[in-house]
Amino acid sequence: MILITGGAGYIGSHINKDLNKNGYQTVVFDNLVYGHKEAVKWGEFIEGDLDNPDQLQALFKKHSIKAVMHFAAFACVGESVTDPQKYYLNNVKNTLNLLQMCLKNNVKNFIFSSIYT
């Protein structure tokens, strides 16, 4: 099972589609702040937040996650300037929450999508 965080967003939903068309099972985990539930047409959808350790633990307990593809970053430059704390908490702290859960559950395959070059 491949976990796609931010899978209801533009990039995540296209990755989800491609993975499913190539025979992979996926679960999408998204808080729908910027994503759209209707974009998740393949795999299982779970609405949740990376800031919630209990939700993450339940997700990893329910599914045998073998790989994580992480697309759950905020990417609006203007908003990041006016509300940097929101971006720090989501893009840094929540990524660390996810990485800790991967370590705890022995998930060794992790793909991180960065908007920066």
PDB file of N, CA and C in Angstrom:
ATOM      1  N   MET A   1       0.847  -1.171   0.000  1.00  0.00           N
ATOM      2  CA  MET A   1       0.000   0.000   0.000  1.00  0.00           C
ATOM      3  C   MET A   1       0.895   1.237   0.000  1.00  0.00           C
ATOM      4  N   ILE A   2       0.576   2.181  -0.870  1.00  0.00           N
ATOM      5  CA  ILE A   2       1.302   3.442  -0.924  1.00  0.00           C
ATOM      6  C   ILE A   2       0.427   4.543  -0.334  1.00  0.00           C
ATOM      7  N   LEU A   3       0.980   5.258   0.624  1.00  0.00           N
ATOM      8  CA  LEU A   3       0.296   6.398   1.235  1.00  0.00           C
ATOM      9  C   LEU A   3       0.663   7.654   0.459  1.00  0.00           C
ATOM     10  N   ILE A   4      -0.358   8.401   0.027  1.00  0.00           N
ATOM     11  CA  ILE A   4      -0.135   9.669  -0.657  1.00  0.00           C
ATOM     12  C   ILE A   4      -0.724  10.769   0.212  1.00  0.00           C
ATOM     13  N   THR A   5       0.161  11.548   0.840  1.00  0.00           N
ATOM     14  CA  THR A   5      -0.319  12.686   1.615  1.00  0.00           C
ATOM     15  C   THR A   5      -0.502  13.856   0.655  1.00  0.00           C
ATOM     16  N   GLY A   6      -1.569  14.608   0.845  1.00  0.00           N
ATOM     17  CA  GLY A   6      -1.868  15.692  -0.092  1.00  0.00           C
ATOM     18  C   GLY A   6      -2.377  15.153  -1.418  1.00  0.00           C
ATOM     19  N   GLY A   7      -2.930  13.971  -1.393  1.00  0.00           N
ATOM     20  CA  GLY A   7      -3.386  13.311  -2.622  1.00  0.00           C
ATOM     21  C   GLY A   7      -4.655  13.873  -3.213  1.00  0.00           C
ATOM     22  N   ALA A   8      -5.271  14.849  -2.554  1.00  0.00           N
ATOM     23  CA  ALA A   8      -6.454  15.505  -3.119  1.00  0.00           C
ATOM     24  C   ALA A   8      -6.079  16.812  -3.799  1.00  0.00           C
ATOM     25  N   GLY A   9      -4.796  17.110  -3.826  1.00  0.00           N
ATOM     26  CA  GLY A   9      -4.304  18.289  -4.534  1.00  0.00           C
ATOM     27  C   GLY A   9      -3.965  17.940  -5.971  1.00  0.00           C
ATOM     28  N   TYR A  10      -3.477  18.924  -6.698  1.00  0.00           N
ATOM     29  CA  TYR A  10      -3.217  18.740  -8.133  1.00  0.00           C
ATOM     30  C   TYR A  10      -2.182  17.645  -8.408  1.00  0.00           C
ATOM     31  N   ILE A  11      -0.993  17.790  -7.853  1.00  0.00           N
ATOM     32  CA  ILE A  11       0.067  16.811  -8.133  1.00  0.00           C
ATOM     33  C   ILE A  11      -0.261  15.459  -7.516  1.00  0.00           C
ATOM     34  N   GLY A  12      -0.680  15.460  -6.264  1.00  0.00           N
ATOM     35  CA  GLY A  12      -0.989  14.207  -5.584  1.00  0.00           C
ATOM     36  C   GLY A  12      -2.083  13.411  -6.266  1.00  0.00           C
ATOM     37  N   SER A  13      -3.111  14.083  -6.756  1.00  0.00           N
ATOM     38  CA  SER A  13      -4.213  13.358  -7.414  1.00  0.00           C
ATOM     39  C   SER A  13      -3.756  12.738  -8.731  1.00  0.00           C
ATOM     40  N   HIS A  14      -2.852  13.405  -9.444  1.00  0.00           N
ATOM     41  CA  HIS A  14      -2.337  12.835 -10.700  1.00  0.00           C
ATOM     42  C   HIS A  14      -1.405  11.659 -10.428  1.00  0.00           C
ATOM     43  N   ILE A  15      -0.602  11.754  -9.386  1.00  0.00           N
ATOM     44  CA  ILE A  15       0.248  10.625  -8.992  1.00  0.00           C
ATOM     45  C   ILE A  15      -0.621   9.439  -8.586  1.00  0.00           C
ATOM     46  N   ASN A  16      -1.670   9.713  -7.815  1.00  0.00           N
ATOM     47  CA  ASN A  16      -2.592   8.662  -7.384  1.00  0.00           C
ATOM     48  C   ASN A  16      -3.213   7.957  -8.586  1.00  0.00           C
ATOM     49  N   LYS A  17      -3.660   8.716  -9.544  1.00  0.00           N
ATOM     50  CA  LYS A  17      -4.255   8.149 -10.757  1.00  0.00           C
ATOM     51  C   LYS A  17      -3.254   7.245 -11.471  1.00  0.00           C
ATOM     52  N   ASP A  18      -2.048   7.736 -11.659  1.00  0.00           N
ATOM     53  CA  ASP A  18      -1.030   6.973 -12.377  1.00  0.00           C
ATOM     54  C   ASP A  18      -0.648   5.694 -11.625  1.00  0.00           C
ATOM     55  N   LEU A  19      -0.486   5.791 -10.321  1.00  0.00           N
ATOM     56  CA  LEU A  19      -0.145   4.605  -9.538  1.00  0.00           C
ATOM     57  C   LEU A  19      -1.225   3.533  -9.650  1.00  0.00           C
ATOM     58  N   ASN A  20      -2.485   3.943  -9.530  1.00  0.00           N
ATOM     59  CA  ASN A  20      -3.581   2.978  -9.622  1.00  0.00           C
ATOM     60  C   ASN A  20      -3.678   2.359 -11.006  1.00  0.00           C
ATOM     61  N   LYS A  21      -3.464   3.149 -12.027  1.00  0.00           N
ATOM     62  CA  LYS A  21      -3.502   2.606 -13.395  1.00  0.00           C
ATOM     63  C   LYS A  21      -2.378   1.612 -13.640  1.00  0.00           C
ATOM     64  N   ASN A  22      -1.323   1.697 -12.823  1.00  0.00           N
ATOM     65  CA  ASN A  22      -0.202   0.767 -12.943  1.00  0.00           C
ATOM     66  C   ASN A  22      -0.247  -0.353 -11.907  1.00  0.00           C
ATOM     67  N   GLY A  23      -1.414  -0.531 -11.281  1.00  0.00           N
ATOM     68  CA  GLY A  23      -1.643  -1.674 -10.420  1.00  0.00           C
ATOM     69  C   GLY A  23      -1.286  -1.515  -8.957  1.00  0.00           C
ATOM     70  N   TYR A  24      -0.926  -0.321  -8.519  1.00  0.00           N
ATOM     71  CA  TYR A  24      -0.588  -0.107  -7.114  1.00  0.00           C
ATOM     72  C   TYR A  24      -1.830   0.242  -6.312  1.00  0.00           C
ATOM     73  N   GLN A  25      -1.872  -0.213  -5.070  1.00  0.00           N
ATOM     74  CA  GLN A  25      -2.939   0.162  -4.155  1.00  0.00           C
ATOM     75  C   GLN A  25      -2.506   1.406  -3.394  1.00  0.00           C
ATOM     76  N   THR A  26      -3.435   2.359  -3.272  1.00  0.00           N
ATOM     77  CA  THR A  26      -3.098   3.610  -2.611  1.00  0.00           C
ATOM     78  C   THR A  26      -4.137   3.987  -1.563  1.00  0.00           C
ATOM     79  N   VAL A  27      -3.672   4.779  -0.620  1.00  0.00           N
ATOM     80  CA  VAL A  27      -4.565   5.448   0.322  1.00  0.00           C
ATOM     81  C   VAL A  27      -4.140   6.910   0.335  1.00  0.00           C
ATOM     82  N   VAL A  28      -5.112   7.785   0.183  1.00  0.00           N
ATOM     83  CA  VAL A  28      -4.874   9.229   0.161  1.00  0.00           C
ATOM     84  C   VAL A  28      -5.262   9.802   1.513  1.00  0.00           C
ATOM     85  N   PHE A  29      -4.358  10.598   2.077  1.00  0.00           N
ATOM     86  CA  PHE A  29      -4.591  11.257   3.366  1.00  0.00           C
ATOM     87  C   PHE A  29      -4.451  12.754   3.131  1.00  0.00           C
ATOM     88  N   ASP A  30      -5.542  13.492   3.336  1.00  0.00           N
ATOM     89  CA  ASP A  30      -5.541  14.922   2.999  1.00  0.00           C
ATOM     90  C   ASP A  30      -6.478  15.646   3.943  1.00  0.00           C
ATOM     91  N   ASN A  31      -6.099  16.866   4.355  1.00  0.00           N
ATOM     92  CA  ASN A  31      -6.960  17.647   5.250  1.00  0.00           C
ATOM     93  C   ASN A  31      -7.932  18.550   4.475  1.00  0.00           C
ATOM     94  N   LEU A  32      -7.821  18.573   3.170  1.00  0.00           N
ATOM     95  CA  LEU A  32      -8.709  19.325   2.274  1.00  0.00           C
ATOM     96  C   LEU A  32      -8.645  20.837   2.479  1.00  0.00           C
ATOM     97  N   VAL A  33      -7.542  21.330   3.053  1.00  0.00           N
ATOM     98  CA  VAL A  33      -7.388  22.784   3.166  1.00  0.00           C
ATOM     99  C   VAL A  33      -7.286  23.388   1.766  1.00  0.00           C
ATOM    100  N   TYR A  34      -6.472  22.770   0.908  1.00  0.00           N
ATOM    101  CA  TYR A  34      -6.350  23.228  -0.474  1.00  0.00           C
ATOM    102  C   TYR A  34      -6.722  22.141  -1.475  1.00  0.00           C
ATOM    103  N   GLY A  35      -6.893  20.912  -1.009  1.00  0.00           N
ATOM    104  CA  GLY A  35      -7.253  19.796  -1.886  1.00  0.00           C
ATOM    105  C   GLY A  35      -8.759  19.709  -2.089  1.00  0.00           C
ATOM    106  N   HIS A  36      -9.148  18.798  -2.963  1.00  0.00           N
ATOM    107  CA  HIS A  36     -10.560  18.610  -3.306  1.00  0.00           C
ATOM    108  C   HIS A  36     -10.876  17.117  -3.277  1.00  0.00           C
ATOM    109  N   LYS A  37     -11.780  16.730  -2.410  1.00  0.00           N
ATOM    110  CA  LYS A  37     -12.129  15.316  -2.254  1.00  0.00           C
ATOM    111  C   LYS A  37     -12.521  14.679  -3.586  1.00  0.00           C
ATOM    112  N   GLU A  38     -13.203  15.426  -4.438  1.00  0.00           N
ATOM    113  CA  GLU A  38     -13.644  14.865  -5.720  1.00  0.00           C
ATOM    114  C   GLU A  38     -12.477  14.555  -6.656  1.00  0.00           C
ATOM    115  N   ALA A  39     -11.279  15.022  -6.333  1.00  0.00           N
ATOM    116  CA  ALA A  39     -10.091  14.709  -7.139  1.00  0.00           C
ATOM    117  C   ALA A  39      -9.558  13.305  -6.840  1.00  0.00           C
ATOM    118  N   VAL A  40     -10.025  12.713  -5.759  1.00  0.00           N
ATOM    119  CA  VAL A  40      -9.576  11.369  -5.379  1.00  0.00           C
ATOM    120  C   VAL A  40     -10.564  10.357  -5.951  1.00  0.00           C
ATOM    121  N   LYS A  41     -10.257   9.860  -7.126  1.00  0.00           N
ATOM    122  CA  LYS A  41     -11.136   8.927  -7.823  1.00  0.00           C
ATOM    123  C   LYS A  41     -10.616   7.495  -7.765  1.00  0.00           C
ATOM    124  N   TRP A  42      -9.423   7.312  -7.187  1.00  0.00           N
ATOM    125  CA  TRP A  42      -8.812   5.994  -7.102  1.00  0.00           C
ATOM    126  C   TRP A  42      -8.310   5.785  -5.690  1.00  0.00           C
ATOM    127  N   GLY A  43      -8.252   4.530  -5.279  1.00  0.00           N
ATOM    128  CA  GLY A  43      -7.771   4.212  -3.947  1.00  0.00           C
ATOM    129  C   GLY A  43      -8.752   4.644  -2.872  1.00  0.00           C
ATOM    130  N   GLU A  44      -8.296   4.570  -1.653  1.00  0.00           N
ATOM    131  CA  GLU A  44      -9.124   4.961  -0.504  1.00  0.00           C
ATOM    132  C   GLU A  44      -8.782   6.387  -0.091  1.00  0.00           C
ATOM    133  N   PHE A  45      -9.785   7.145   0.325  1.00  0.00           N
ATOM    134  CA  PHE A  45      -9.574   8.504   0.809  1.00  0.00           C
ATOM    135  C   PHE A  45      -9.835   8.561   2.308  1.00  0.00           C
ATOM    136  N   ILE A  46      -8.899   9.173   3.033  1.00  0.00           N
ATOM    137  CA  ILE A  46      -9.077   9.424   4.462  1.00  0.00           C
ATOM    138  C   ILE A  46      -8.825  10.901   4.703  1.00  0.00           C
ATOM    139  N   GLU A  47      -9.825  11.580   5.236  1.00  0.00           N
ATOM    140  CA  GLU A  47      -9.636  12.987   5.593  1.00  0.00           C
ATOM    141  C   GLU A  47      -8.983  13.049   6.965  1.00  0.00           C
ATOM    142  N   GLY A  48      -7.861  13.732   7.019  1.00  0.00           N
ATOM    143  CA  GLY A  48      -7.151  13.839   8.277  1.00  0.00           C
ATOM    144  C   GLY A  48      -6.038  14.854   8.162  1.00  0.00           C
ATOM    145  N   ASP A  49      -5.362  15.086   9.282  1.00  0.00           N
ATOM    146  CA  ASP A  49      -4.333  16.109   9.330  1.00  0.00           C
ATOM    147  C   ASP A  49      -3.038  15.528   9.874  1.00  0.00           C
ATOM    148  N   LEU A  50      -1.935  15.849   9.236  1.00  0.00           N
ATOM    149  CA  LEU A  50      -0.627  15.378   9.686  1.00  0.00           C
ATOM    150  C   LEU A  50      -0.253  15.937  11.044  1.00  0.00           C
ATOM    151  N   ASP A  51      -0.978  16.925  11.514  1.00  0.00           N
ATOM    152  CA  ASP A  51      -0.750  17.503  12.834  1.00  0.00           C
ATOM    153  C   ASP A  51      -1.386  16.666  13.946  1.00  0.00           C
ATOM    154  N   ASN A  52      -2.107  15.624  13.576  1.00  0.00           N
ATOM    155  CA  ASN A  52      -2.821  14.803  14.551  1.00  0.00           C
ATOM    156  C   ASN A  52      -2.176  13.414  14.645  1.00  0.00           C
ATOM    157  N   PRO A  53      -1.338  13.178  15.653  1.00  0.00           N
ATOM    158  CA  PRO A  53      -0.653  11.884  15.780  1.00  0.00           C
ATOM    159  C   PRO A  53      -1.600  10.695  15.904  1.00  0.00           C
ATOM    160  N   ASP A  54      -2.744  10.898  16.539  1.00  0.00           N
ATOM    161  CA  ASP A  54      -3.705   9.795  16.683  1.00  0.00           C
ATOM    162  C   ASP A  54      -4.260   9.368  15.326  1.00  0.00           C
ATOM    163  N   GLN A  55      -4.560  10.339  14.466  1.00  0.00           N
ATOM    164  CA  GLN A  55      -5.041  10.010  13.124  1.00  0.00           C
ATOM    165  C   GLN A  55      -3.960   9.288  12.325  1.00  0.00           C
ATOM    166  N   LEU A  56      -2.724   9.765  12.438  1.00  0.00           N
ATOM    167  CA  LEU A  56      -1.614   9.119  11.730  1.00  0.00           C
ATOM    168  C   LEU A  56      -1.410   7.681  12.218  1.00  0.00           C
ATOM    169  N   GLN A  57      -1.438   7.498  13.524  1.00  0.00           N
ATOM    170  CA  GLN A  57      -1.253   6.156  14.070  1.00  0.00           C
ATOM    171  C   GLN A  57      -2.356   5.218  13.595  1.00  0.00           C
ATOM    172  N   ALA A  58      -3.594   5.684  13.597  1.00  0.00           N
ATOM    173  CA  ALA A  58      -4.711   4.855  13.137  1.00  0.00           C
ATOM    174  C   ALA A  58      -4.547   4.498  11.661  1.00  0.00           C
ATOM    175  N   LEU A  59      -4.092   5.448  10.875  1.00  0.00           N
ATOM    176  CA  LEU A  59      -3.859   5.211   9.445  1.00  0.00           C
ATOM    177  C   LEU A  59      -2.812   4.119   9.236  1.00  0.00           C
ATOM    178  N   PHE A  60      -1.675   4.224   9.934  1.00  0.00           N
ATOM    179  CA  PHE A  60      -0.619   3.239   9.779  1.00  0.00           C
ATOM    180  C   PHE A  60      -1.010   1.886  10.369  1.00  0.00           C
ATOM    181  N   LYS A  61      -1.859   1.891  11.389  1.00  0.00           N
ATOM    182  CA  LYS A  61      -2.317   0.631  11.979  1.00  0.00           C
ATOM    183  C   LYS A  61      -3.296  -0.090  11.048  1.00  0.00           C
ATOM    184  N   LYS A  62      -4.160   0.671  10.388  1.00  0.00           N
ATOM    185  CA  LYS A  62      -5.176   0.087   9.511  1.00  0.00           C
ATOM    186  C   LYS A  62      -4.578  -0.442   8.207  1.00  0.00           C
ATOM    187  N   HIS A  63      -3.560   0.227   7.695  1.00  0.00           N
ATOM    188  CA  HIS A  63      -2.997  -0.124   6.394  1.00  0.00           C
ATOM    189  C   HIS A  63      -1.547  -0.574   6.535  1.00  0.00           C
ATOM    190  N   SER A  64      -1.162  -1.500   5.722  1.00  0.00           N
ATOM    191  CA  SER A  64       0.231  -1.938   5.683  1.00  0.00           C
ATOM    192  C   SER A  64       0.974  -1.038   4.693  1.00  0.00           C
ATOM    193  N   ILE A  65       1.424   0.097   5.193  1.00  0.00           N
ATOM    194  CA  ILE A  65       2.074   1.105   4.346  1.00  0.00           C
ATOM    195  C   ILE A  65       3.503   0.648   4.038  1.00  0.00           C
ATOM    196  N   LYS A  66       3.820   0.575   2.754  1.00  0.00           N
ATOM    197  CA  LYS A  66       5.162   0.190   2.314  1.00  0.00           C
ATOM    198  C   LYS A  66       5.953   1.389   1.802  1.00  0.00           C
ATOM    199  N   ALA A  67       5.242   2.434   1.376  1.00  0.00           N
ATOM    200  CA  ALA A  67       5.902   3.628   0.843  1.00  0.00           C
ATOM    201  C   ALA A  67       5.008   4.832   1.074  1.00  0.00           C
ATOM    202  N   VAL A  68       5.646   5.997   1.198  1.00  0.00           N
ATOM    203  CA  VAL A  68       4.926   7.258   1.380  1.00  0.00           C
ATOM    204  C   VAL A  68       5.372   8.225   0.292  1.00  0.00           C
ATOM    205  N   MET A  69       4.395   8.874  -0.321  1.00  0.00           N
ATOM    206  CA  MET A  69       4.662   9.954  -1.269  1.00  0.00           C
ATOM    207  C   MET A  69       4.032  11.203  -0.655  1.00  0.00           C
ATOM    208  N   HIS A  70       4.871  12.157  -0.306  1.00  0.00           N
ATOM    209  CA  HIS A  70       4.443  13.298   0.518  1.00  0.00           C
ATOM    210  C   HIS A  70       4.286  14.563  -0.330  1.00  0.00           C
ATOM    211  N   PHE A  71       3.015  14.961  -0.533  1.00  0.00           N
ATOM    212  CA  PHE A  71       2.678  16.149  -1.313  1.00  0.00           C
ATOM    213  C   PHE A  71       1.845  17.138  -0.506  1.00  0.00           C
ATOM    214  N   ALA A  72       1.861  17.036   0.806  1.00  0.00           N
ATOM    215  CA  ALA A  72       0.964  17.824   1.654  1.00  0.00           C
ATOM    216  C   ALA A  72       1.595  19.127   2.138  1.00  0.00           C
ATOM    217  N   ALA A  73       2.236  19.834   1.258  1.00  0.00           N
ATOM    218  CA  ALA A  73       2.831  21.119   1.633  1.00  0.00           C
ATOM    219  C   ALA A  73       1.945  22.264   1.164  1.00  0.00           C
ATOM    220  N   PHE A  74       2.007  23.350   1.894  1.00  0.00           N
ATOM    221  CA  PHE A  74       1.371  24.584   1.431  1.00  0.00           C
ATOM    222  C   PHE A  74       2.355  25.267   0.483  1.00  0.00           C
ATOM    223  N   ALA A  75       1.842  25.864  -0.586  1.00  0.00           N
ATOM    224  CA  ALA A  75       2.742  26.380  -1.628  1.00  0.00           C
ATOM    225  C   ALA A  75       2.381  27.769  -2.141  1.00  0.00           C
ATOM    226  N   CYS A  76       1.538  28.497  -1.456  1.00  0.00           N
ATOM    227  CA  CYS A  76       1.157  29.837  -1.916  1.00  0.00           C
ATOM    228  C   CYS A  76       2.159  30.856  -1.375  1.00  0.00           C
ATOM    229  N   VAL A  77       2.982  31.388  -2.254  1.00  0.00           N
ATOM    230  CA  VAL A  77       4.089  32.254  -1.836  1.00  0.00           C
ATOM    231  C   VAL A  77       3.590  33.482  -1.076  1.00  0.00           C
ATOM    232  N   GLY A  78       2.599  34.166  -1.611  1.00  0.00           N
ATOM    233  CA  GLY A  78       2.090  35.368  -0.948  1.00  0.00           C
ATOM    234  C   GLY A  78       1.616  35.088   0.462  1.00  0.00           C
ATOM    235  N   GLU A  79       0.856  34.026   0.623  1.00  0.00           N
ATOM    236  CA  GLU A  79       0.342  33.676   1.945  1.00  0.00           C
ATOM    237  C   GLU A  79       1.479  33.267   2.886  1.00  0.00           C
ATOM    238  N   SER A  80       2.511  32.636   2.348  1.00  0.00           N
ATOM    239  CA  SER A  80       3.637  32.223   3.197  1.00  0.00           C
ATOM    240  C   SER A  80       4.363  33.427   3.785  1.00  0.00           C
ATOM    241  N   VAL A  81       4.296  34.551   3.082  1.00  0.00           N
ATOM    242  CA  VAL A  81       4.924  35.778   3.583  1.00  0.00           C
ATOM    243  C   VAL A  81       4.049  36.418   4.663  1.00  0.00           C
ATOM    244  N   THR A  82       2.741  36.404   4.458  1.00  0.00           N
ATOM    245  CA  THR A  82       1.842  37.040   5.425  1.00  0.00           C
ATOM    246  C   THR A  82       1.555  36.154   6.636  1.00  0.00           C
ATOM    247  N   ASP A  83       1.707  34.823   6.488  1.00  0.00           N
ATOM    248  CA  ASP A  83       1.443  33.900   7.593  1.00  0.00           C
ATOM    249  C   ASP A  83       2.518  32.812   7.639  1.00  0.00           C
ATOM    250  N   PRO A  84       3.758  33.189   7.945  1.00  0.00           N
ATOM    251  CA  PRO A  84       4.845  32.205   7.924  1.00  0.00           C
ATOM    252  C   PRO A  84       4.683  31.086   8.951  1.00  0.00           C
ATOM    253  N   GLN A  85       4.051  31.369  10.068  1.00  0.00           N
ATOM    254  CA  GLN A  85       3.874  30.312  11.075  1.00  0.00           C
ATOM    255  C   GLN A  85       3.018  29.173  10.524  1.00  0.00           C
ATOM    256  N   LYS A  86       1.963  29.503   9.810  1.00  0.00           N
ATOM    257  CA  LYS A  86       1.103  28.481   9.207  1.00  0.00           C
ATOM    258  C   LYS A  86       1.926  27.567   8.298  1.00  0.00           C
ATOM    259  N   TYR A  87       2.819  28.165   7.530  1.00  0.00           N
ATOM    260  CA  TYR A  87       3.643  27.395   6.593  1.00  0.00           C
ATOM    261  C   TYR A  87       4.706  26.581   7.308  1.00  0.00           C
ATOM    262  N   TYR A  88       5.298  27.139   8.346  1.00  0.00           N
ATOM    263  CA  TYR A  88       6.273  26.393   9.133  1.00  0.00           C
ATOM    264  C   TYR A  88       5.616  25.171   9.773  1.00  0.00           C
ATOM    265  N   LEU A  89       4.486  25.387  10.423  1.00  0.00           N
ATOM    266  CA  LEU A  89       3.815  24.286  11.116  1.00  0.00           C
ATOM    267  C   LEU A  89       3.436  23.172  10.148  1.00  0.00           C
ATOM    268  N   ASN A  90       2.898  23.524   8.993  1.00  0.00           N
ATOM    269  CA  ASN A  90       2.483  22.499   8.055  1.00  0.00           C
ATOM    270  C   ASN A  90       3.673  21.885   7.313  1.00  0.00           C
ATOM    271  N   ASN A  91       4.520  22.712   6.758  1.00  0.00           N
ATOM    272  CA  ASN A  91       5.562  22.202   5.868  1.00  0.00           C
ATOM    273  C   ASN A  91       6.760  21.604   6.598  1.00  0.00           C
ATOM    274  N   VAL A  92       7.014  22.034   7.824  1.00  0.00           N
ATOM    275  CA  VAL A  92       8.152  21.502   8.564  1.00  0.00           C
ATOM    276  C   VAL A  92       7.678  20.561   9.675  1.00  0.00           C
ATOM    277  N   LYS A  93       6.919  21.098  10.609  1.00  0.00           N
ATOM    278  CA  LYS A  93       6.506  20.296  11.766  1.00  0.00           C
ATOM    279  C   LYS A  93       5.688  19.072  11.350  1.00  0.00           C
ATOM    280  N   ASN A  94       4.736  19.259  10.449  1.00  0.00           N
ATOM    281  CA  ASN A  94       3.894  18.127  10.055  1.00  0.00           C
ATOM    282  C   ASN A  94       4.664  17.091   9.239  1.00  0.00           C
ATOM    283  N   THR A  95       5.656  17.552   8.476  1.00  0.00           N
ATOM    284  CA  THR A  95       6.506  16.594   7.762  1.00  0.00           C
ATOM    285  C   THR A  95       7.306  15.763   8.763  1.00  0.00           C
ATOM    286  N   LEU A  96       7.792  16.404   9.821  1.00  0.00           N
ATOM    287  CA  LEU A  96       8.502  15.655  10.868  1.00  0.00           C
ATOM    288  C   LEU A  96       7.576  14.653  11.558  1.00  0.00           C
ATOM    289  N   ASN A  97       6.332  15.031  11.789  1.00  0.00           N
ATOM    290  CA  ASN A  97       5.356  14.084  12.363  1.00  0.00           C
ATOM    291  C   ASN A  97       5.229  12.847  11.473  1.00  0.00           C
ATOM    292  N   LEU A  98       5.126  13.075  10.172  1.00  0.00           N
ATOM    293  CA  LEU A  98       4.978  11.974   9.222  1.00  0.00           C
ATOM    294  C   LEU A  98       6.244  11.112   9.198  1.00  0.00           C
ATOM    295  N   LEU A  99       7.404  11.745   9.178  1.00  0.00           N
ATOM    296  CA  LEU A  99       8.661  10.991   9.173  1.00  0.00           C
ATOM    297  C   LEU A  99       8.811  10.151  10.443  1.00  0.00           C
ATOM    298  N   GLN A 100       8.419  10.708  11.580  1.00  0.00           N
ATOM    299  CA  GLN A 100       8.487   9.938  12.828  1.00  0.00           C
ATOM    300  C   GLN A 100       7.568   8.727  12.773  1.00  0.00           C
ATOM    301  N   MET A 101       6.380   8.888  12.174  1.00  0.00           N
ATOM    302  CA  MET A 101       5.453   7.765  12.057  1.00  0.00           C
ATOM    303  C   MET A 101       6.014   6.700  11.112  1.00  0.00           C
ATOM    304  N   CYS A 102       6.689   7.144  10.050  1.00  0.00           N
ATOM    305  CA  CYS A 102       7.328   6.192   9.137  1.00  0.00           C
ATOM    306  C   CYS A 102       8.399   5.387   9.866  1.00  0.00           C
ATOM    307  N   LEU A 103       9.226   6.069  10.646  1.00  0.00           N
ATOM    308  CA  LEU A 103      10.262   5.370  11.409  1.00  0.00           C
ATOM    309  C   LEU A 103       9.645   4.384  12.392  1.00  0.00           C
ATOM    310  N   LYS A 104       8.617   4.828  13.086  1.00  0.00           N
ATOM    311  CA  LYS A 104       7.952   3.982  14.083  1.00  0.00           C
ATOM    312  C   LYS A 104       7.353   2.724  13.447  1.00  0.00           C
ATOM    313  N   ASN A 105       6.937   2.840  12.188  1.00  0.00           N
ATOM    314  CA  ASN A 105       6.276   1.728  11.499  1.00  0.00           C
ATOM    315  C   ASN A 105       7.165   1.070  10.440  1.00  0.00           C
ATOM    316  N   ASN A 106       8.459   1.356  10.502  1.00  0.00           N
ATOM    317  CA  ASN A 106       9.454   0.722   9.633  1.00  0.00           C
ATOM    318  C   ASN A 106       9.167   0.923   8.140  1.00  0.00           C
ATOM    319  N   VAL A 107       8.686   2.103   7.778  1.00  0.00           N
ATOM    320  CA  VAL A 107       8.483   2.449   6.372  1.00  0.00           C
ATOM    321  C   VAL A 107       9.766   3.114   5.886  1.00  0.00           C
ATOM    322  N   LYS A 108      10.425   2.462   4.930  1.00  0.00           N
ATOM    323  CA  LYS A 108      11.739   2.937   4.488  1.00  0.00           C
ATOM    324  C   LYS A 108      11.707   3.654   3.145  1.00  0.00           C
ATOM    325  N   ASN A 109      10.583   3.647   2.473  1.00  0.00           N
ATOM    326  CA  ASN A 109      10.463   4.287   1.164  1.00  0.00           C
ATOM    327  C   ASN A 109       9.649   5.560   1.303  1.00  0.00           C
ATOM    328  N   PHE A 110      10.318   6.695   1.074  1.00  0.00           N
ATOM    329  CA  PHE A 110       9.685   7.995   1.282  1.00  0.00           C
ATOM    330  C   PHE A 110      10.084   8.921   0.143  1.00  0.00           C
ATOM    331  N   ILE A 111       9.095   9.441  -0.551  1.00  0.00           N
ATOM    332  CA  ILE A 111       9.331  10.416  -1.618  1.00  0.00           C
ATOM    333  C   ILE A 111       8.748  11.741  -1.162  1.00  0.00           C
ATOM    334  N   PHE A 112       9.591  12.765  -1.164  1.00  0.00           N
ATOM    335  CA  PHE A 112       9.197  14.099  -0.727  1.00  0.00           C
ATOM    336  C   PHE A 112       9.192  15.012  -1.942  1.00  0.00           C
ATOM    337  N   SER A 113       8.062  15.638  -2.196  1.00  0.00           N
ATOM    338  CA  SER A 113       7.957  16.588  -3.306  1.00  0.00           C
ATOM    339  C   SER A 113       8.178  17.987  -2.770  1.00  0.00           C
ATOM    340  N   SER A 114       9.189  18.635  -3.295  1.00  0.00           N
ATOM    341  CA  SER A 114       9.488  19.991  -2.879  1.00  0.00           C
ATOM    342  C   SER A 114       9.118  20.962  -3.988  1.00  0.00           C
ATOM    343  N   ILE A 115       8.616  22.120  -3.604  1.00  0.00           N
ATOM    344  CA  ILE A 115       8.271  23.127  -4.601  1.00  0.00           C
ATOM    345  C   ILE A 115       9.462  23.998  -4.920  1.00  0.00           C
ATOM    346  N   TYR A 116      10.542  23.809  -4.184  1.00  0.00           N
ATOM    347  CA  TYR A 116      11.724  24.652  -4.377  1.00  0.00           C
ATOM    348  C   TYR A 116      12.736  23.947  -5.268  1.00  0.00           C
ATOM    349  N   THR A 117      13.486  24.728  -6.022  1.00  0.00           N
ATOM    350  CA  THR A 117      14.531  24.140  -6.866  1.00  0.00           C
ATOM    351  C   THR A 117      15.903  24.547  -6.396  1.00  0.00           C
TER     352      THR A 117
END
